[in-house]
Amino acid sequence: MGNQKSKAAKNTDTKGNNTKGNNTFGKDEDKKTEGEKHREERIEKTGQVTLDKNEKKHKLHLITIIGEVEGHDNLNGTSKTTKYEHILPELAAIEDSCEVDGLLILLNTMGGDVEAGLAIAEMIASLSKPTVSLVLGGSHSIGVPIAASTDYSFIVPTGTMVIHPVRMNGMVIGVPQTFDYFKQIQNRITGFVCSHCKISKARLEELMMETGVLTKDVGTILVGQEAVNEGIINEVGGIREAMKHLHEMIDDK
């Protein structure tokens, strides 16, 4: 008899309400913890996350382009890399998704493989969803067309963009065909950049061939407002301005 009373007491609260089977608080906490773990693992493995806690209830997909853009060859394990075989399927999934409203690209890259970088830039440029890029730290070399590939672009005041000609590793055969190939690659890059921002091809090539800026190389370093003045980036701003503009683009659409 005493045991029955104690069991009944355990299943009721101080107001006499039945609480048996209603222990949802612990389950909610477990779900929250699992969700946070999944979110952290996704950021750690891919540098990507879905931003959906804003007051507008927009679902923004965040992709980071960091370190070196890796091409067909794997770089050593000590290098920070962005693998294009991870980025391209994700961009296709964003285009296919009816839940994702917009894409935010954060860049802090030294450049990398030309073919891989152009592939990423072309994919971003062809998305139907609103896209915004933000240059943090730097977006050098092939990072320039990636930054310019979005519908609107920002750069922080201290952000840098290094513009230089195409380079090639390994043995180079000194024949006219090699130089023609270099020129074709260069034209692909300059053509893409100029078609997605306000800089002219003549001015972009002038910046690439500048000899008085880099001590051991040719090219130009543009810092913050200079990249905007040259017409490569739309505006100086940070994450607040970038996300605000992306929300406005989604609303307008």
C-alpha atoms as a PDB file:
ATOM      1  CA  MET A   1       0.000   0.000   0.000  1.00  0.00           C
ATOM      2  CA  GLY A   2       2.807   2.355   0.893  1.00  0.00           C
ATOM      3  CA  ASN A   3       4.554   1.576  -2.371  1.00  0.00           C
ATOM      4  CA  GLN A   4       1.434   2.408  -4.387  1.00  0.00           C
ATOM      5  CA  LYS A   5       1.185   5.815  -2.702  1.00  0.00           C
ATOM      6  CA  SER A   6       4.822   6.610  -3.381  1.00  0.00           C
ATOM      7  CA  LYS A   7       4.420   5.695  -7.064  1.00  0.00           C
ATOM      8  CA  ALA A   8       1.336   7.889  -7.332  1.00  0.00           C
ATOM      9  CA  ALA A   9       3.206  10.742  -5.687  1.00  0.00           C
ATOM     10  CA  LYS A  10       6.035  10.445  -8.178  1.00  0.00           C
ATOM     11  CA  ASN A  11       3.596  10.751 -11.086  1.00  0.00           C
ATOM     12  CA  THR A  12       1.974  13.968  -9.842  1.00  0.00           C
ATOM     13  CA  ASP A  13       3.324  17.468  -9.330  1.00  0.00           C
ATOM     14  CA  THR A  14       2.567  19.867  -6.464  1.00  0.00           C
ATOM     15  CA  LYS A  15      -0.734  20.869  -8.139  1.00  0.00           C
ATOM     16  CA  GLY A  16      -1.892  17.300  -8.524  1.00  0.00           C
ATOM     17  CA  ASN A  17      -1.314  17.174 -12.309  1.00  0.00           C
ATOM     18  CA  ASN A  18      -0.274  13.885 -13.846  1.00  0.00           C
ATOM     19  CA  THR A  19       3.343  14.104 -15.037  1.00  0.00           C
ATOM     20  CA  LYS A  20       3.902  10.489 -16.055  1.00  0.00           C
ATOM     21  CA  GLY A  21       5.404  10.267 -19.542  1.00  0.00           C
ATOM     22  CA  ASN A  22       5.713  14.064 -19.888  1.00  0.00           C
ATOM     23  CA  ASN A  23       9.437  14.423 -19.251  1.00  0.00           C
ATOM     24  CA  THR A  24       9.980  16.448 -22.423  1.00  0.00           C
ATOM     25  CA  PHE A  25      12.450  18.978 -21.042  1.00  0.00           C
ATOM     26  CA  GLY A  26      15.292  16.484 -20.956  1.00  0.00           C
ATOM     27  CA  LYS A  27      14.460  15.248 -24.440  1.00  0.00           C
ATOM     28  CA  ASP A  28      14.416  18.805 -25.805  1.00  0.00           C
ATOM     29  CA  GLU A  29      17.771  19.436 -24.227  1.00  0.00           C
ATOM     30  CA  ASP A  30      19.144  16.252 -25.799  1.00  0.00           C
ATOM     31  CA  LYS A  31      17.838  17.299 -29.208  1.00  0.00           C
ATOM     32  CA  LYS A  32      19.310  20.740 -28.796  1.00  0.00           C
ATOM     33  CA  THR A  33      22.645  19.279 -27.865  1.00  0.00           C
ATOM     34  CA  GLU A  34      22.573  16.922 -30.855  1.00  0.00           C
ATOM     35  CA  GLY A  35      21.678  19.796 -33.166  1.00  0.00           C
ATOM     36  CA  GLU A  36      24.495  21.936 -31.838  1.00  0.00           C
ATOM     37  CA  LYS A  37      26.950  19.053 -32.185  1.00  0.00           C
ATOM     38  CA  HIS A  38      25.892  18.482 -35.796  1.00  0.00           C
ATOM     39  CA  ARG A  39      26.260  22.204 -36.497  1.00  0.00           C
ATOM     40  CA  GLU A  40      29.749  22.313 -34.991  1.00  0.00           C
ATOM     41  CA  GLU A  41      30.852  19.200 -36.862  1.00  0.00           C
ATOM     42  CA  ARG A  42      29.611  20.650 -40.146  1.00  0.00           C
ATOM     43  CA  ILE A  43      31.528  23.872 -39.582  1.00  0.00           C
ATOM     44  CA  GLU A  44      34.678  21.961 -38.637  1.00  0.00           C
ATOM     45  CA  LYS A  45      34.564  19.561 -41.609  1.00  0.00           C
ATOM     46  CA  THR A  46      33.245  21.758 -44.420  1.00  0.00           C
ATOM     47  CA  GLY A  47      33.343  25.362 -43.221  1.00  0.00           C
ATOM     48  CA  GLN A  48      29.620  25.593 -43.953  1.00  0.00           C
ATOM     49  CA  VAL A  49      26.534  26.273 -41.864  1.00  0.00           C
ATOM     50  CA  THR A  50      22.885  27.280 -42.307  1.00  0.00           C
ATOM     51  CA  LEU A  51      21.949  30.582 -40.665  1.00  0.00           C
ATOM     52  CA  ASP A  52      18.251  30.552 -39.767  1.00  0.00           C
ATOM     53  CA  LYS A  53      17.920  32.320 -36.395  1.00  0.00           C
ATOM     54  CA  ASN A  54      17.276  35.786 -37.860  1.00  0.00           C
ATOM     55  CA  GLU A  55      14.066  37.736 -37.267  1.00  0.00           C
ATOM     56  CA  LYS A  56      13.139  37.577 -40.968  1.00  0.00           C
ATOM     57  CA  LYS A  57      13.151  33.768 -40.858  1.00  0.00           C
ATOM     58  CA  HIS A  58      15.357  33.638 -43.947  1.00  0.00           C
ATOM     59  CA  LYS A  59      17.547  30.575 -44.399  1.00  0.00           C
ATOM     60  CA  LEU A  60      21.028  31.679 -45.415  1.00  0.00           C
ATOM     61  CA  HIS A  61      23.710  29.197 -46.400  1.00  0.00           C
ATOM     62  CA  LEU A  62      27.250  30.182 -45.415  1.00  0.00           C
ATOM     63  CA  ILE A  63      30.294  28.893 -47.321  1.00  0.00           C
ATOM     64  CA  THR A  64      33.871  29.825 -46.447  1.00  0.00           C
ATOM     65  CA  ILE A  65      36.699  29.928 -49.002  1.00  0.00           C
ATOM     66  CA  ILE A  66      39.880  29.755 -46.926  1.00  0.00           C
ATOM     67  CA  GLY A  67      43.557  28.922 -47.300  1.00  0.00           C
ATOM     68  CA  GLU A  68      44.458  27.582 -50.729  1.00  0.00           C
ATOM     69  CA  VAL A  69      41.888  26.516 -53.314  1.00  0.00           C
ATOM     70  CA  GLU A  70      42.800  22.894 -53.951  1.00  0.00           C
ATOM     71  CA  GLY A  71      42.630  21.506 -57.467  1.00  0.00           C
ATOM     72  CA  HIS A  72      43.160  18.014 -58.848  1.00  0.00           C
ATOM     73  CA  ASP A  73      46.202  17.348 -56.644  1.00  0.00           C
ATOM     74  CA  ASN A  74      45.921  16.972 -52.875  1.00  0.00           C
ATOM     75  CA  LEU A  75      48.008  19.462 -50.918  1.00  0.00           C
ATOM     76  CA  ASN A  76      50.015  18.459 -47.872  1.00  0.00           C
ATOM     77  CA  GLY A  77      48.228  17.873 -44.581  1.00  0.00           C
ATOM     78  CA  THR A  78      49.595  21.022 -42.925  1.00  0.00           C
ATOM     79  CA  SER A  79      47.961  23.416 -45.404  1.00  0.00           C
ATOM     80  CA  LYS A  80      44.562  25.010 -44.918  1.00  0.00           C
ATOM     81  CA  THR A  81      42.612  24.232 -48.085  1.00  0.00           C
ATOM     82  CA  THR A  82      39.246  24.641 -49.761  1.00  0.00           C
ATOM     83  CA  LYS A  83      38.401  21.554 -51.790  1.00  0.00           C
ATOM     84  CA  TYR A  84      36.428  22.318 -54.918  1.00  0.00           C
ATOM     85  CA  GLU A  85      34.936  18.823 -54.962  1.00  0.00           C
ATOM     86  CA  HIS A  86      33.191  19.760 -51.692  1.00  0.00           C
ATOM     87  CA  ILE A  87      32.056  23.215 -52.820  1.00  0.00           C
ATOM     88  CA  LEU A  88      30.597  22.331 -56.231  1.00  0.00           C
ATOM     89  CA  PRO A  89      28.056  19.721 -55.009  1.00  0.00           C
ATOM     90  CA  GLU A  90      27.010  22.048 -52.188  1.00  0.00           C
ATOM     91  CA  LEU A  91      26.382  24.870 -54.652  1.00  0.00           C
ATOM     92  CA  ALA A  92      24.271  22.522 -56.769  1.00  0.00           C
ATOM     93  CA  ALA A  93      22.322  21.507 -53.642  1.00  0.00           C
ATOM     94  CA  ILE A  94      21.713  25.184 -52.805  1.00  0.00           C
ATOM     95  CA  GLU A  95      20.297  25.803 -56.275  1.00  0.00           C
ATOM     96  CA  ASP A  96      18.086  22.722 -55.982  1.00  0.00           C
ATOM     97  CA  SER A  97      16.809  23.506 -52.476  1.00  0.00           C
ATOM     98  CA  CYS A  98      13.491  25.276 -51.955  1.00  0.00           C
ATOM     99  CA  GLU A  99      14.481  26.024 -48.352  1.00  0.00           C
ATOM    100  CA  VAL A 100      17.686  28.032 -48.908  1.00  0.00           C
ATOM    101  CA  ASP A 101      16.888  31.707 -49.549  1.00  0.00           C
ATOM    102  CA  GLY A 102      20.369  33.117 -50.116  1.00  0.00           C
ATOM    103  CA  LEU A 103      24.115  32.429 -50.074  1.00  0.00           C
ATOM    104  CA  LEU A 104      26.854  34.234 -48.146  1.00  0.00           C
ATOM    105  CA  ILE A 105      30.495  33.611 -49.136  1.00  0.00           C
ATOM    106  CA  LEU A 106      33.288  34.488 -46.695  1.00  0.00           C
ATOM    107  CA  LEU A 107      36.762  34.674 -48.253  1.00  0.00           C
ATOM    108  CA  ASN A 108      40.202  34.599 -46.704  1.00  0.00           C
ATOM    109  CA  THR A 109      42.248  32.847 -49.363  1.00  0.00           C
ATOM    110  CA  MET A 110      45.708  33.031 -50.865  1.00  0.00           C
ATOM    111  CA  GLY A 111      44.372  31.789 -54.207  1.00  0.00           C
ATOM    112  CA  GLY A 112      45.255  28.420 -55.664  1.00  0.00           C
ATOM    113  CA  ASP A 113      44.334  26.230 -58.613  1.00  0.00           C
ATOM    114  CA  VAL A 114      43.033  28.306 -61.535  1.00  0.00           C
ATOM    115  CA  GLU A 115      40.709  25.672 -62.991  1.00  0.00           C
ATOM    116  CA  ALA A 116      39.165  24.865 -59.594  1.00  0.00           C
ATOM    117  CA  GLY A 117      38.806  28.528 -58.665  1.00  0.00           C
ATOM    118  CA  LEU A 118      37.122  29.426 -61.948  1.00  0.00           C
ATOM    119  CA  ALA A 119      34.801  26.420 -61.612  1.00  0.00           C
ATOM    120  CA  ILE A 120      33.682  27.667 -58.180  1.00  0.00           C
ATOM    121  CA  ALA A 121      33.282  31.231 -59.468  1.00  0.00           C
ATOM    122  CA  GLU A 122      31.201  30.113 -62.467  1.00  0.00           C
ATOM    123  CA  MET A 123      28.936  28.012 -60.244  1.00  0.00           C
ATOM    124  CA  ILE A 124      28.331  30.895 -57.842  1.00  0.00           C
ATOM    125  CA  ALA A 125      27.658  33.317 -60.707  1.00  0.00           C
ATOM    126  CA  SER A 126      25.057  30.981 -62.234  1.00  0.00           C
ATOM    127  CA  LEU A 127      22.974  30.539 -59.061  1.00  0.00           C
ATOM    128  CA  SER A 128      19.426  31.872 -59.125  1.00  0.00           C
ATOM    129  CA  LYS A 129      19.503  32.570 -55.369  1.00  0.00           C
ATOM    130  CA  PRO A 130      20.744  35.974 -54.123  1.00  0.00           C
ATOM    131  CA  THR A 131      24.475  35.853 -53.332  1.00  0.00           C
ATOM    132  CA  VAL A 132      26.823  38.121 -51.369  1.00  0.00           C
ATOM    133  CA  SER A 133      30.580  37.811 -50.786  1.00  0.00           C
ATOM    134  CA  LEU A 134      32.683  39.282 -47.991  1.00  0.00           C
ATOM    135  CA  VAL A 135      36.475  39.512 -48.215  1.00  0.00           C
ATOM    136  CA  LEU A 136      38.099  39.061 -44.803  1.00  0.00           C
ATOM    137  CA  GLY A 137      41.867  39.141 -44.452  1.00  0.00           C
ATOM    138  CA  GLY A 138      42.526  38.617 -48.135  1.00  0.00           C
ATOM    139  CA  SER A 139      41.188  37.247 -51.399  1.00  0.00           C
ATOM    140  CA  HIS A 140      44.245  36.925 -53.589  1.00  0.00           C
ATOM    141  CA  SER A 141      44.925  35.604 -57.073  1.00  0.00           C
ATOM    142  CA  ILE A 142      42.083  33.258 -58.125  1.00  0.00           C
ATOM    143  CA  GLY A 143      40.190  34.541 -55.072  1.00  0.00           C
ATOM    144  CA  VAL A 144      39.535  37.738 -57.046  1.00  0.00           C
ATOM    145  CA  PRO A 145      37.083  36.172 -59.541  1.00  0.00           C
ATOM    146  CA  ILE A 146      35.421  34.211 -56.716  1.00  0.00           C
ATOM    147  CA  ALA A 147      34.822  37.432 -54.764  1.00  0.00           C
ATOM    148  CA  ALA A 148      33.488  39.138 -57.885  1.00  0.00           C
ATOM    149  CA  SER A 149      31.203  36.230 -58.840  1.00  0.00           C
ATOM    150  CA  THR A 150      28.400  37.092 -56.393  1.00  0.00           C
ATOM    151  CA  ASP A 151      25.517  39.499 -56.986  1.00  0.00           C
ATOM    152  CA  TYR A 152      27.042  41.959 -54.510  1.00  0.00           C
ATOM    153  CA  SER A 153      30.430  42.069 -52.784  1.00  0.00           C
ATOM    154  CA  PHE A 154      31.933  43.575 -49.639  1.00  0.00           C
ATOM    155  CA  ILE A 155      35.459  43.924 -48.290  1.00  0.00           C
ATOM    156  CA  VAL A 156      36.485  44.883 -44.756  1.00  0.00           C
ATOM    157  CA  PRO A 157      38.629  48.056 -44.450  1.00  0.00           C
ATOM    158  CA  THR A 158      41.805  46.019 -43.814  1.00  0.00           C
ATOM    159  CA  GLY A 159      41.035  43.311 -46.380  1.00  0.00           C
ATOM    160  CA  THR A 160      43.484  42.864 -49.264  1.00  0.00           C
ATOM    161  CA  MET A 161      43.319  41.611 -52.836  1.00  0.00           C
ATOM    162  CA  VAL A 162      46.517  40.689 -54.695  1.00  0.00           C
ATOM    163  CA  ILE A 163      46.180  40.860 -58.474  1.00  0.00           C
ATOM    164  CA  HIS A 164      48.946  39.215 -60.514  1.00  0.00           C
ATOM    165  CA  PRO A 165      49.424  37.204 -63.723  1.00  0.00           C
ATOM    166  CA  VAL A 166      48.905  33.449 -63.955  1.00  0.00           C
ATOM    167  CA  ARG A 167      51.747  31.294 -62.640  1.00  0.00           C
ATOM    168  CA  MET A 168      52.564  27.675 -63.410  1.00  0.00           C
ATOM    169  CA  ASN A 169      54.409  25.118 -61.295  1.00  0.00           C
ATOM    170  CA  GLY A 170      56.759  22.450 -62.612  1.00  0.00           C
ATOM    171  CA  MET A 171      58.601  22.293 -65.932  1.00  0.00           C
ATOM    172  CA  VAL A 172      57.660  24.864 -68.549  1.00  0.00           C
ATOM    173  CA  ILE A 173      58.555  24.271 -72.204  1.00  0.00           C
ATOM    174  CA  GLY A 174      59.821  27.476 -73.779  1.00  0.00           C
ATOM    175  CA  VAL A 175      57.854  27.333 -77.025  1.00  0.00           C
ATOM    176  CA  PRO A 176      55.232  29.697 -78.527  1.00  0.00           C
ATOM    177  CA  GLN A 177      52.434  27.237 -77.701  1.00  0.00           C
ATOM    178  CA  THR A 178      53.201  27.543 -73.985  1.00  0.00           C
ATOM    179  CA  PHE A 179      52.932  31.326 -74.048  1.00  0.00           C
ATOM    180  CA  ASP A 180      49.716  31.116 -76.060  1.00  0.00           C
ATOM    181  CA  TYR A 181      48.304  28.761 -73.427  1.00  0.00           C
ATOM    182  CA  PHE A 182      49.255  31.189 -70.657  1.00  0.00           C
ATOM    183  CA  LYS A 183      47.547  33.987 -72.560  1.00  0.00           C
ATOM    184  CA  GLN A 184      44.368  31.939 -72.978  1.00  0.00           C
ATOM    185  CA  ILE A 185      44.201  31.215 -69.249  1.00  0.00           C
ATOM    186  CA  GLN A 186      44.843  34.871 -68.459  1.00  0.00           C
ATOM    187  CA  ASN A 187      42.083  35.964 -70.835  1.00  0.00           C
ATOM    188  CA  ARG A 188      39.635  33.568 -69.176  1.00  0.00           C
ATOM    189  CA  ILE A 189      40.334  35.105 -65.768  1.00  0.00           C
ATOM    190  CA  THR A 190      40.267  38.750 -66.869  1.00  0.00           C
ATOM    191  CA  GLY A 191      37.180  38.125 -69.002  1.00  0.00           C
ATOM    192  CA  PHE A 192      35.285  36.618 -66.084  1.00  0.00           C
ATOM    193  CA  VAL A 193      36.283  39.319 -63.593  1.00  0.00           C
ATOM    194  CA  CYS A 194      35.463  42.184 -65.957  1.00  0.00           C
ATOM    195  CA  SER A 195      32.066  40.695 -66.819  1.00  0.00           C
ATOM    196  CA  HIS A 196      31.089  40.523 -63.140  1.00  0.00           C
ATOM    197  CA  CYS A 197      32.362  43.879 -61.838  1.00  0.00           C
ATOM    198  CA  LYS A 198      33.024  47.413 -63.041  1.00  0.00           C
ATOM    199  CA  ILE A 199      36.764  47.314 -63.778  1.00  0.00           C
ATOM    200  CA  SER A 200      37.875  47.439 -67.421  1.00  0.00           C
ATOM    201  CA  LYS A 201      40.074  44.749 -68.951  1.00  0.00           C
ATOM    202  CA  ALA A 202      42.792  47.282 -69.755  1.00  0.00           C
ATOM    203  CA  ARG A 203      42.914  48.522 -66.142  1.00  0.00           C
ATOM    204  CA  LEU A 204      42.879  44.983 -64.716  1.00  0.00           C
ATOM    205  CA  GLU A 205      45.800  43.949 -66.930  1.00  0.00           C
ATOM    206  CA  GLU A 206      47.630  47.130 -65.924  1.00  0.00           C
ATOM    207  CA  LEU A 207      47.261  46.184 -62.247  1.00  0.00           C
ATOM    208  CA  MET A 208      48.468  42.642 -63.009  1.00  0.00           C
ATOM    209  CA  MET A 209      51.650  43.852 -64.707  1.00  0.00           C
ATOM    210  CA  GLU A 210      52.570  46.529 -62.164  1.00  0.00           C
ATOM    211  CA  THR A 211      56.292  46.243 -61.301  1.00  0.00           C
ATOM    212  CA  GLY A 212      56.678  48.837 -58.557  1.00  0.00           C
ATOM    213  CA  VAL A 213      54.509  47.350 -55.796  1.00  0.00           C
ATOM    214  CA  LEU A 214      55.583  43.765 -55.059  1.00  0.00           C
ATOM    215  CA  THR A 215      59.295  43.453 -54.270  1.00  0.00           C
ATOM    216  CA  LYS A 216      59.864  40.022 -55.850  1.00  0.00           C
ATOM    217  CA  ASP A 217      56.926  39.800 -58.215  1.00  0.00           C
ATOM    218  CA  VAL A 218      54.684  41.729 -60.575  1.00  0.00           C
ATOM    219  CA  GLY A 219      51.187  42.709 -59.590  1.00  0.00           C
ATOM    220  CA  THR A 220      49.229  45.009 -57.285  1.00  0.00           C
ATOM    221  CA  ILE A 221      47.932  44.888 -53.707  1.00  0.00           C
ATOM    222  CA  LEU A 222      44.570  46.577 -53.193  1.00  0.00           C
ATOM    223  CA  VAL A 223      43.480  47.311 -49.612  1.00  0.00           C
ATOM    224  CA  GLY A 224      39.848  47.827 -48.603  1.00  0.00           C
ATOM    225  CA  GLN A 225      38.557  50.995 -50.242  1.00  0.00           C
ATOM    226  CA  GLU A 226      41.113  50.710 -53.068  1.00  0.00           C
ATOM    227  CA  ALA A 227      39.408  47.532 -54.310  1.00  0.00           C
ATOM    228  CA  VAL A 228      36.104  49.446 -54.317  1.00  0.00           C
ATOM    229  CA  ASN A 229      37.654  52.435 -56.102  1.00  0.00           C
ATOM    230  CA  GLU A 230      38.988  50.140 -58.831  1.00  0.00           C
ATOM    231  CA  GLY A 231      35.523  48.692 -59.354  1.00  0.00           C
ATOM    232  CA  ILE A 232      36.314  45.098 -58.321  1.00  0.00           C
ATOM    233  CA  ILE A 233      34.309  45.145 -55.063  1.00  0.00           C
ATOM    234  CA  ASN A 234      30.995  46.951 -54.566  1.00  0.00           C
ATOM    235  CA  GLU A 235      31.335  48.271 -51.028  1.00  0.00           C
ATOM    236  CA  VAL A 236      33.459  48.429 -47.877  1.00  0.00           C
ATOM    237  CA  GLY A 237      31.711  46.710 -44.974  1.00  0.00           C
ATOM    238  CA  GLY A 238      31.698  43.806 -42.553  1.00  0.00           C
ATOM    239  CA  ILE A 239      29.455  40.897 -41.670  1.00  0.00           C
ATOM    240  CA  ARG A 240      26.654  43.197 -40.476  1.00  0.00           C
ATOM    241  CA  GLU A 241      26.473  45.048 -43.785  1.00  0.00           C
ATOM    242  CA  ALA A 242      26.840  41.856 -45.829  1.00  0.00           C
ATOM    243  CA  MET A 243      24.007  40.032 -44.067  1.00  0.00           C
ATOM    244  CA  LYS A 244      21.768  43.096 -44.076  1.00  0.00           C
ATOM    245  CA  HIS A 245      22.209  43.483 -47.825  1.00  0.00           C
ATOM    246  CA  LEU A 246      21.568  39.783 -48.429  1.00  0.00           C
ATOM    247  CA  HIS A 247      18.314  39.967 -46.437  1.00  0.00           C
ATOM    248  CA  GLU A 248      17.260  42.999 -48.500  1.00  0.00           C
ATOM    249  CA  MET A 249      17.999  41.150 -51.743  1.00  0.00           C
ATOM    250  CA  ILE A 250      15.907  38.201 -50.588  1.00  0.00           C
ATOM    251  CA  ASP A 251      13.017  40.519 -49.657  1.00  0.00           C
ATOM    252  CA  ASP A 252      13.186  42.244 -53.021  1.00  0.00           C
ATOM    253  CA  LYS A 253      13.147  38.920 -54.834  1.00  0.00           C
END
